[in-house]
Protein backbone atom coordinates (compact mmCIF):
# COMPACT_ATOMS: atom_id res chain seq x y z
CA UNK A 1 -24.71 -28.30 -46.10
CA UNK A 2 -24.37 -24.95 -44.36
CA UNK A 3 -22.94 -23.45 -47.56
CA UNK A 4 -25.96 -24.66 -49.51
CA UNK A 5 -28.39 -23.29 -46.91
CA UNK A 6 -26.62 -19.90 -46.76
CA UNK A 7 -26.61 -19.55 -50.57
CA UNK A 8 -30.29 -20.50 -50.83
CA UNK A 9 -31.16 -18.09 -48.05
CA UNK A 10 -29.53 -15.21 -49.96
CA UNK A 11 -30.95 -16.27 -53.35
CA UNK A 12 -34.16 -14.15 -53.23
CA UNK A 13 -32.18 -10.98 -52.45
CA UNK A 14 -29.51 -11.53 -55.11
CA UNK A 15 -31.99 -12.40 -57.85
CA UNK A 16 -34.26 -9.47 -57.00
CA UNK A 17 -31.41 -7.00 -57.31
CA UNK A 18 -30.63 -6.60 -53.63
CA UNK A 19 -27.99 -3.83 -53.40
CA UNK A 20 -24.36 -4.85 -52.99
CA UNK A 21 -23.32 -4.37 -49.36
CA UNK A 22 -19.72 -5.49 -49.78
CA UNK A 23 -18.26 -2.08 -48.95
CA UNK A 24 -20.35 -1.69 -45.84
CA UNK A 25 -19.56 -5.23 -44.73
CA UNK A 26 -15.85 -4.51 -45.11
CA UNK A 27 -16.31 -1.43 -42.96
CA UNK A 28 -18.17 -3.11 -40.12
CA UNK A 29 -16.75 -6.65 -40.24
CA UNK A 30 -14.77 -7.64 -38.33
CA UNK A 31 -15.42 -5.41 -35.35
CA UNK A 32 -12.98 -5.01 -32.46
CA UNK A 33 -14.63 -5.86 -29.13
CA UNK A 34 -17.65 -7.86 -28.00
CA UNK A 35 -19.12 -7.12 -24.57
CA UNK A 36 -21.17 -9.96 -23.12
CA UNK A 37 -22.22 -11.80 -19.98
CA UNK A 38 -20.61 -15.13 -19.17
CA UNK A 39 -23.95 -16.97 -19.32
CA UNK A 40 -24.17 -16.88 -23.15
CA UNK A 41 -20.59 -17.66 -24.10
CA UNK A 42 -21.55 -21.03 -25.58
CA UNK A 43 -25.01 -20.10 -26.83
CA UNK A 44 -24.00 -16.99 -28.79
CA UNK A 45 -20.33 -16.04 -28.61
CA UNK A 46 -18.92 -19.39 -29.72
CA UNK A 47 -21.50 -19.70 -32.51
CA UNK A 48 -20.75 -16.18 -33.78
CA UNK A 49 -17.06 -17.06 -33.85
CA UNK A 50 -17.63 -20.32 -35.75
CA UNK A 51 -20.06 -18.75 -38.23
CA UNK A 52 -17.66 -15.88 -38.89
CA UNK A 53 -14.76 -18.23 -39.52
CA UNK A 54 -16.85 -20.44 -41.77
CA UNK A 55 -18.55 -17.83 -43.95
CA UNK A 56 -16.18 -14.86 -43.75
CA UNK A 57 -12.83 -16.60 -43.25
CA UNK A 58 -12.20 -14.21 -40.37
CA UNK A 59 -13.23 -13.90 -36.72
CA UNK A 60 -16.01 -11.36 -36.06
CA UNK A 61 -14.12 -9.74 -33.14
CA UNK A 62 -10.65 -9.82 -31.64
CA UNK A 63 -11.48 -9.12 -27.99
CA UNK A 64 -14.28 -10.44 -25.79
CA UNK A 65 -15.05 -8.59 -22.55
CA UNK A 66 -16.93 -10.94 -20.24
CA UNK A 67 -18.80 -9.23 -17.42
CA UNK A 68 -20.91 -10.64 -14.61
CA UNK A 69 -24.66 -10.61 -14.20
CA UNK A 70 -26.59 -7.77 -12.62
CA UNK A 71 -28.09 -9.07 -9.38
CA UNK A 72 -29.97 -7.41 -6.54
CA UNK A 73 -28.30 -6.06 -3.41
CA UNK A 74 -28.42 -9.50 -1.77
CA UNK A 75 -26.79 -11.21 -4.72
CA UNK A 76 -30.00 -12.87 -5.98
CA UNK A 77 -30.83 -12.94 -9.68
CA UNK A 78 -33.45 -10.36 -10.60
CA UNK A 79 -36.79 -11.80 -11.66
CA UNK A 80 -40.41 -10.73 -12.06
CA UNK A 81 -41.64 -13.46 -9.74
CA UNK A 82 -39.42 -12.25 -6.90
CA UNK A 83 -40.19 -8.62 -7.62
CA UNK A 84 -36.60 -7.65 -7.03
CA UNK A 85 -35.93 -6.14 -10.45
CA UNK A 86 -34.98 -2.51 -11.05
CA UNK A 87 -36.16 -0.47 -14.01
CA UNK A 88 -33.25 1.69 -15.24
CA UNK A 89 -35.71 4.35 -16.38
CA UNK A 90 -37.00 4.68 -12.82
CA UNK A 91 -33.43 5.07 -11.54
CA UNK A 92 -32.68 7.69 -14.19
CA UNK A 93 -35.84 9.60 -13.27
CA UNK A 94 -34.98 9.55 -9.56
CA UNK A 95 -31.19 9.88 -9.51
CA UNK A 96 -30.19 10.97 -13.01
CA UNK A 97 -28.68 9.19 -16.00
CA UNK A 98 -25.09 10.02 -14.99
CA UNK A 99 -25.44 8.59 -11.48
CA UNK A 100 -27.04 5.40 -12.84
CA UNK A 101 -24.35 5.02 -15.46
CA UNK A 102 -21.47 5.56 -13.03
CA UNK A 103 -22.90 3.19 -10.43
CA UNK A 104 -23.00 0.39 -12.99
CA UNK A 105 -19.52 1.28 -14.27
CA UNK A 106 -18.02 1.31 -10.76
CA UNK A 107 -19.42 -2.14 -9.98
CA UNK A 108 -18.47 -3.79 -13.27
CA UNK A 109 -15.45 -5.99 -12.73
CA UNK A 110 -14.51 -8.74 -15.22
CA UNK A 111 -16.42 -11.94 -14.50
CA UNK A 112 -17.87 -10.59 -11.25
CA UNK A 113 -21.59 -10.36 -10.59
CA UNK A 114 -22.91 -6.90 -9.74
CA UNK A 115 -24.88 -6.45 -6.52
CA UNK A 116 -26.96 -3.52 -7.71
CA UNK A 117 -29.49 -1.46 -5.82
CA UNK A 118 -30.93 2.01 -5.38
CA UNK A 119 -28.48 2.83 -2.58
CA UNK A 120 -25.57 2.34 -4.95
CA UNK A 121 -27.01 4.82 -7.44
CA UNK A 122 -27.83 7.27 -4.67
CA UNK A 123 -24.20 7.18 -3.50
CA UNK A 124 -22.95 8.15 -6.94
CA UNK A 125 -25.54 10.90 -7.23
CA UNK A 126 -23.89 12.33 -4.10
CA UNK A 127 -20.52 12.10 -5.86
CA UNK A 128 -21.81 13.92 -8.94
CA UNK A 129 -23.32 16.58 -6.68
CA UNK A 130 -19.83 16.92 -5.16
CA UNK A 131 -18.39 17.66 -8.60
CA UNK A 132 -21.15 20.18 -9.29
CA UNK A 133 -20.60 21.97 -5.98
CA UNK A 134 -16.81 22.03 -6.51
CA UNK A 135 -17.37 23.64 -9.91
CA UNK A 136 -19.73 26.21 -8.37
CA UNK A 137 -17.13 27.01 -5.70
CA UNK A 138 -14.51 27.50 -8.42
CA UNK A 139 -16.85 29.74 -10.38
CA UNK A 140 -17.59 31.83 -7.27
CA UNK A 141 -13.85 32.40 -6.94
CA UNK A 142 -13.52 33.67 -10.52
CA UNK A 143 -11.93 30.52 -11.91
CA UNK A 144 -11.85 30.60 -15.71
CA UNK A 145 -9.78 28.74 -18.32
CA UNK A 146 -6.55 30.52 -19.18
CA UNK A 147 -5.48 30.34 -22.81
CA UNK A 148 -2.06 28.79 -23.42
CA UNK A 149 -1.75 27.74 -19.78
CA UNK A 150 1.57 25.95 -19.24
CA UNK A 151 1.74 23.60 -16.20
CA UNK A 152 5.54 23.58 -16.40
CA UNK A 153 5.64 27.28 -15.44
CA UNK A 154 3.65 26.92 -12.21
CA UNK A 155 5.68 28.15 -9.24
CA UNK A 156 3.54 27.53 -6.15
CA UNK A 157 4.01 24.32 -4.16
CA UNK A 158 0.25 23.77 -4.01
CA UNK A 159 -0.14 24.24 -7.76
CA UNK A 160 2.72 21.88 -8.64
CA UNK A 161 1.38 19.28 -6.22
CA UNK A 162 -2.17 19.18 -7.64
CA UNK A 163 -0.84 19.11 -11.22
CA UNK A 164 1.34 16.13 -10.32
CA UNK A 165 -1.63 14.38 -8.67
CA UNK A 166 -3.74 15.12 -11.74
CA UNK A 167 -1.12 13.60 -14.01
CA UNK A 168 -1.10 10.43 -11.89
CA UNK A 169 -4.92 10.25 -11.93
CA UNK A 170 -5.05 10.62 -15.73
CA UNK A 171 -2.46 7.88 -16.14
CA UNK A 172 -4.38 5.54 -13.80
CA UNK A 173 -7.68 6.23 -15.59
CA UNK A 174 -6.15 5.57 -19.01
CA UNK A 175 -4.48 2.36 -17.88
CA UNK A 176 -7.80 1.12 -16.47
CA UNK A 177 -9.69 1.92 -19.68
CA UNK A 178 -7.02 0.32 -21.86
CA UNK A 179 -7.35 -2.90 -19.87
CA UNK A 180 -11.18 -2.76 -19.81
CA UNK A 181 -11.20 -2.36 -16.02
CA UNK A 182 -14.13 0.03 -15.85
CA UNK A 183 -14.45 -0.48 -12.10
CA UNK A 184 -10.85 0.63 -11.59
CA UNK A 185 -11.41 3.58 -13.94
CA UNK A 186 -14.41 4.76 -11.92
CA UNK A 187 -12.50 4.19 -8.67
CA UNK A 188 -9.47 6.19 -9.82
CA UNK A 189 -11.68 9.10 -10.88
CA UNK A 190 -13.70 8.94 -7.65
CA UNK A 191 -10.64 8.95 -5.37
CA UNK A 192 -8.94 11.80 -7.19
CA UNK A 193 -12.01 14.05 -7.45
CA UNK A 194 -13.36 13.49 -3.94
CA UNK A 195 -10.28 12.79 -1.81
CA UNK A 196 -7.65 14.93 -3.55
CA UNK A 197 -9.28 17.73 -5.54
CA UNK A 198 -12.32 18.50 -3.36
CA UNK A 199 -11.26 17.48 0.16
CA UNK A 200 -7.71 18.81 0.01
CA UNK A 201 -6.83 21.04 -2.92
CA UNK A 202 -9.88 23.33 -2.79
CA UNK A 203 -9.59 23.61 0.99
CA UNK A 204 -5.87 24.36 0.80
CA UNK A 205 -6.49 26.88 -2.00
CA UNK A 206 -8.95 29.00 -0.02
CA UNK A 207 -6.30 31.42 1.36
CA UNK A 208 -5.01 32.00 -2.18
CA UNK A 209 -8.54 32.61 -3.47
CA UNK A 210 -9.14 35.10 -0.65
CA UNK A 211 -5.97 37.09 -1.34
CA UNK A 212 -6.19 40.47 -3.06
CA UNK A 213 -4.90 40.35 -6.64
CA UNK A 214 -1.67 38.51 -5.87
CA UNK A 215 0.36 36.52 -8.42
CA UNK A 216 -0.35 33.35 -6.43
CA UNK A 217 -4.10 33.99 -6.61
CA UNK A 218 -4.00 34.27 -10.41
CA UNK A 219 -1.85 31.16 -10.67
CA UNK A 220 -4.06 29.04 -8.39
CA UNK A 221 -7.13 30.15 -10.35
CA UNK A 222 -5.48 29.08 -13.60
CA UNK A 223 -4.36 25.76 -12.09
CA UNK A 224 -7.87 25.10 -10.74
CA UNK A 225 -9.43 25.73 -14.17
CA UNK A 226 -6.88 23.44 -15.81
CA UNK A 227 -7.44 20.60 -13.33
CA UNK A 228 -11.23 20.96 -13.43
CA UNK A 229 -11.16 20.80 -17.23
CA UNK A 230 -9.04 17.65 -17.05
CA UNK A 231 -11.54 16.07 -14.64
CA UNK A 232 -14.38 16.81 -17.05
CA UNK A 233 -12.43 15.23 -19.90
CA UNK A 234 -11.51 11.98 -18.18
CA UNK A 235 -14.95 11.57 -16.60
CA UNK A 236 -16.95 12.38 -19.73
CA UNK A 237 -17.20 8.73 -20.87
CA UNK A 238 -19.05 7.78 -17.67
CA UNK A 239 -20.95 10.99 -16.75
CA UNK A 240 -21.47 12.71 -20.12
CA UNK A 241 -24.34 15.06 -19.26
CA UNK A 242 -22.91 16.85 -16.22
CA UNK A 243 -19.42 17.09 -17.73
CA UNK A 244 -20.73 18.62 -20.96
CA UNK A 245 -22.86 21.12 -19.06
CA UNK A 246 -19.93 22.25 -16.91
CA UNK A 247 -17.56 22.32 -19.88
CA UNK A 248 -19.88 24.68 -21.74
CA UNK A 249 -20.58 26.75 -18.62
CA UNK A 250 -16.88 27.44 -17.97
CA UNK A 251 -16.18 28.20 -21.62
CA UNK A 252 -13.46 25.66 -22.32
CA UNK A 253 -14.39 25.81 -26.00
CA UNK A 254 -16.09 23.34 -28.32
CA UNK A 255 -17.49 20.16 -26.84
CA UNK A 256 -15.83 18.00 -24.21
CA UNK A 257 -16.89 14.99 -26.29
CA UNK A 258 -14.69 16.22 -29.15
CA UNK A 259 -11.73 17.23 -27.01
CA UNK A 260 -8.60 15.08 -26.92
CA UNK A 261 -7.70 12.88 -24.00
CA UNK A 262 -5.57 15.08 -21.72
CA UNK A 263 -1.79 14.76 -21.96
CA UNK A 264 -0.21 16.54 -18.99
CA UNK A 265 3.35 17.77 -18.83
CA UNK A 266 5.19 17.26 -15.56
CA UNK A 267 5.51 20.45 -13.49
CA UNK A 268 8.96 21.50 -12.31
CA UNK A 269 10.12 20.06 -8.99
CA UNK A 270 6.96 17.95 -8.75
CA UNK A 271 8.57 15.44 -6.41
CA UNK A 272 9.54 18.11 -3.87
CA UNK A 273 6.07 19.68 -4.00
CA UNK A 274 4.42 16.28 -3.53
CA UNK A 275 6.67 15.47 -0.58
CA UNK A 276 5.86 18.76 1.15
CA UNK A 277 2.10 18.57 0.58
CA UNK A 278 2.07 14.94 1.67
CA UNK A 279 3.63 16.06 4.98
CA UNK A 280 1.05 18.82 5.45
CA UNK A 281 -1.86 16.47 4.72
CA UNK A 282 -0.53 13.75 7.04
CA UNK A 283 0.03 16.29 9.83
CA UNK A 284 -3.51 17.64 9.55
CA UNK A 285 -4.89 14.10 9.36
CA UNK A 286 -3.02 12.98 12.48
CA UNK A 287 -4.20 16.02 14.46
CA UNK A 288 -7.79 15.41 13.37
CA UNK A 289 -7.53 11.74 14.37
CA UNK A 290 -6.21 12.58 17.82
CA UNK A 291 -8.88 15.22 18.35
CA UNK A 292 -11.58 12.71 17.41
CA UNK A 293 -10.19 9.89 19.55
CA UNK A 294 -9.69 12.14 22.57
CA UNK A 295 -13.11 13.76 22.29
CA UNK A 296 -11.65 17.26 22.06
CA UNK A 297 -14.54 19.67 21.32
CA UNK A 298 -14.52 20.84 17.66
CA UNK A 299 -14.54 24.51 18.67
CA UNK A 300 -11.55 24.10 21.00
CA UNK A 301 -8.28 25.37 19.51
CA UNK A 302 -5.27 23.27 20.54
CA UNK A 303 -1.53 23.97 20.56
CA UNK A 304 0.73 21.58 18.63
CA UNK A 305 4.34 20.86 19.57
CA UNK A 306 6.97 19.22 17.35
CA UNK A 307 9.78 17.44 19.16
CA UNK A 308 13.07 16.48 17.40
CA UNK A 309 11.84 18.20 14.23
CA UNK A 310 14.35 19.02 11.50
CA UNK A 311 14.87 22.52 10.18
CA UNK A 312 12.98 21.61 7.01
CA UNK A 313 10.00 20.36 9.05
CA UNK A 314 9.85 23.56 11.10
CA UNK A 315 10.06 25.66 7.93
CA UNK A 316 7.12 23.71 6.49
CA UNK A 317 5.17 24.13 9.73
CA UNK A 318 5.77 27.88 9.66
CA UNK A 319 4.90 28.17 5.95
CA UNK A 320 1.63 26.27 6.34
CA UNK A 321 0.74 27.42 9.87
CA UNK A 322 -2.37 29.33 8.77
CA UNK A 323 -3.71 26.38 6.78
CA UNK A 324 -2.95 23.90 9.57
CA UNK A 325 -4.64 26.19 12.09
CA UNK A 326 -7.80 26.52 10.00
CA UNK A 327 -8.13 22.89 8.88
CA UNK A 328 -7.08 21.18 12.14
CA UNK A 329 -8.31 23.79 14.65
CA UNK A 330 -4.77 24.46 15.87
CA UNK A 331 -3.85 27.55 17.89
CA UNK A 332 -0.11 27.35 17.20
CA UNK A 333 2.65 25.07 15.90
CA UNK A 334 5.99 25.35 17.67
CA UNK A 335 9.13 23.35 18.48
CA UNK A 336 9.49 21.42 21.73
CA UNK A 337 13.01 21.26 23.18
CA UNK A 338 12.47 19.23 26.35
CA UNK A 339 10.29 16.32 27.40
CA UNK A 340 6.58 16.20 26.44
CA UNK A 341 4.01 17.31 29.03
CA UNK A 342 2.69 14.51 31.26
CA UNK A 343 -0.88 14.74 29.93
CA UNK A 344 -0.34 14.66 26.17
CA UNK A 345 -1.17 12.66 23.08
CA UNK A 346 1.84 11.59 21.02
CA UNK A 347 2.32 10.31 17.49
CA UNK A 348 5.17 10.20 14.96
CA UNK A 349 5.42 12.27 11.74
CA UNK A 350 8.59 11.25 9.91
CA UNK A 351 11.52 12.19 12.17
CA UNK A 352 9.45 14.37 14.52
CA UNK A 353 7.17 13.54 17.42
CA UNK A 354 3.81 15.30 17.26
CA UNK A 355 2.68 16.34 20.75
CA UNK A 356 -0.80 17.59 21.66
CA UNK A 357 -0.96 18.82 25.28
CA UNK A 358 -4.31 17.74 26.75
CA UNK A 359 -4.15 19.34 30.18
CA UNK A 360 -7.19 21.58 30.54
CA UNK A 361 -8.75 20.39 27.30
CA UNK A 362 -10.29 17.13 28.53
CA UNK A 363 -10.68 15.20 31.76
CA UNK A 364 -7.79 12.73 31.41
CA UNK A 365 -9.08 10.26 34.01
CA UNK A 366 -12.60 10.23 32.58
CA UNK A 367 -11.24 9.82 29.07
CA UNK A 368 -9.10 6.83 30.10
CA UNK A 369 -12.16 5.22 31.73
CA UNK A 370 -14.26 5.85 28.64
CA UNK A 371 -11.67 4.32 26.33
CA UNK A 372 -11.16 1.27 28.56
CA UNK A 373 -14.92 0.70 28.78
CA UNK A 374 -15.36 0.97 25.01
CA UNK A 375 -12.40 -1.34 24.32
CA UNK A 376 -13.90 -3.91 26.71
CA UNK A 377 -17.29 -3.69 24.99
CA UNK A 378 -15.73 -4.16 21.56
CA UNK A 379 -13.76 -7.16 22.85
CA UNK A 380 -17.01 -8.85 23.90
CA UNK A 381 -18.62 -8.10 20.53
CA UNK A 382 -15.60 -9.54 18.73
CA UNK A 383 -15.76 -12.68 20.86
CA UNK A 384 -19.46 -13.19 20.05
CA UNK A 385 -18.98 -12.79 16.30
CA UNK A 386 -15.90 -15.02 16.28
CA UNK A 387 -17.88 -17.77 18.05
CA UNK A 388 -20.63 -17.47 15.48
CA UNK A 389 -18.26 -17.58 12.49
CA UNK A 390 -16.32 -20.41 14.11
CA UNK A 391 -19.48 -22.51 14.16
CA UNK A 392 -19.33 -24.64 11.00
CA UNK A 393 -23.06 -25.38 11.22
CA UNK A 394 -23.91 -21.65 11.20
CA UNK A 395 -21.64 -20.94 8.23
CA UNK A 396 -23.12 -23.87 6.29
CA UNK A 397 -26.80 -23.12 7.02
CA UNK A 398 -26.92 -19.30 7.11
CA UNK A 399 -27.53 -17.27 3.97
CA UNK A 400 -24.30 -16.07 2.31
CA UNK A 401 -25.26 -12.43 2.88
CA UNK A 402 -25.71 -13.08 6.62
CA UNK A 403 -22.27 -14.70 6.87
CA UNK A 404 -20.72 -11.82 4.93
CA UNK A 405 -22.47 -9.30 7.18
CA UNK A 406 -20.95 -10.96 10.27
CA UNK A 407 -17.50 -10.92 8.72
CA UNK A 408 -17.87 -7.22 8.00
CA UNK A 409 -18.97 -6.62 11.60
CA UNK A 410 -15.92 -8.51 12.86
CA UNK A 411 -13.60 -6.37 10.72
CA UNK A 412 -15.31 -3.18 11.90
CA UNK A 413 -15.13 -4.13 15.59
CA UNK A 414 -11.47 -5.16 15.28
CA UNK A 415 -10.55 -1.91 13.52
CA UNK A 416 -12.34 0.19 16.15
CA UNK A 417 -10.70 -1.66 19.03
CA UNK A 418 -7.24 -1.18 17.50
CA UNK A 419 -7.90 2.52 16.98
CA UNK A 420 -9.13 3.05 20.55
CA UNK A 421 -6.23 1.06 21.99
CA UNK A 422 -3.84 3.38 20.16
CA UNK A 423 -5.72 6.37 21.58
CA UNK A 424 -5.39 4.94 25.08
CA UNK A 425 -1.66 4.44 24.59
CA UNK A 426 -1.30 8.06 23.49
CA UNK A 427 -2.32 9.29 26.92
CA UNK A 428 0.91 9.68 28.87
CA UNK A 429 1.09 7.58 32.00
CA UNK A 430 -1.65 5.15 30.87
């Protein structure tokens, strides 16, 4: 019966000389991937599959990517009656097309509903601004693409480290795209650009940029241009407008849309460079954490002592002393032969003990009292939230977003209490 209906439906076009579309049909059918929400699998997807098999003797697509529904920030379905809908054109006008696009991409996990709101888009506008400012900083430091740049010939530890990190980021981004995990793709790009390239590499590269016509300066400039170009290439699918603008501005040649997906060669001794830079970053991070927990004034320079440190560790400390001093507000880094001072904060970095003498920097007694008072307050907050979440009636009757908010508060309070307890333990004699 369906065959008869289909033939009769086409009869007016065939008898009136409708042009033969066989070649075009062969080109476009079957396609490769269908992207759809889970709510129309039966109503459309299954019917398309059955119709294709019946009339074309072939499935219309080989892969079906099923995504969740776009809901508001509270998880409710958007509707005109509730007035909780968002017009994408309004978001584009306010935050830009790239920020809107990346926010949706970052939230799109397979089968998971998207809790979408203006704040999400605003957050990714901040991220795109970060990329723009990083590119401006590079431009201010005379960063330009170098023709025939070869990552394998890079000699500096910093250059080899960032090239190795870039290679890992490209591999993660490609693996996520190949498996249709657009949320993981956006996350991999975000972490590399913000946490690695901007927060660490550009900060660590400042001394090289400030040097006067040294070989290291030229190399770091070339490495920066290479890594920035790679970032623009891997992020072009999700933020096409900003990446194309920066690509043209830096003169990489052609269009980023027509460039090939980056294939990075492994720099020499990448593992050793990564190990050394990982140590430097962890050391700076630990010093910053201690300073924050102990309420050491930001302008106050502090001495750092390393106890039981190996020769390699002390060589690294000496080599990166200027960077550590600038990024962690450290007056000096030196070896400690005897016991740590009585008033000191201690933590472990590999085989060495990191010691920050606190005498004269803070009031030890007042700091201990402050930490104990804050730990006690957090303990009471944790107890209140645990009682609430332990109440089955509350969990059953409260809105899901309220229950989730309380769980997040519990996690936050617990994390803060653990962190402050560690700070209290760092004070010798406590």
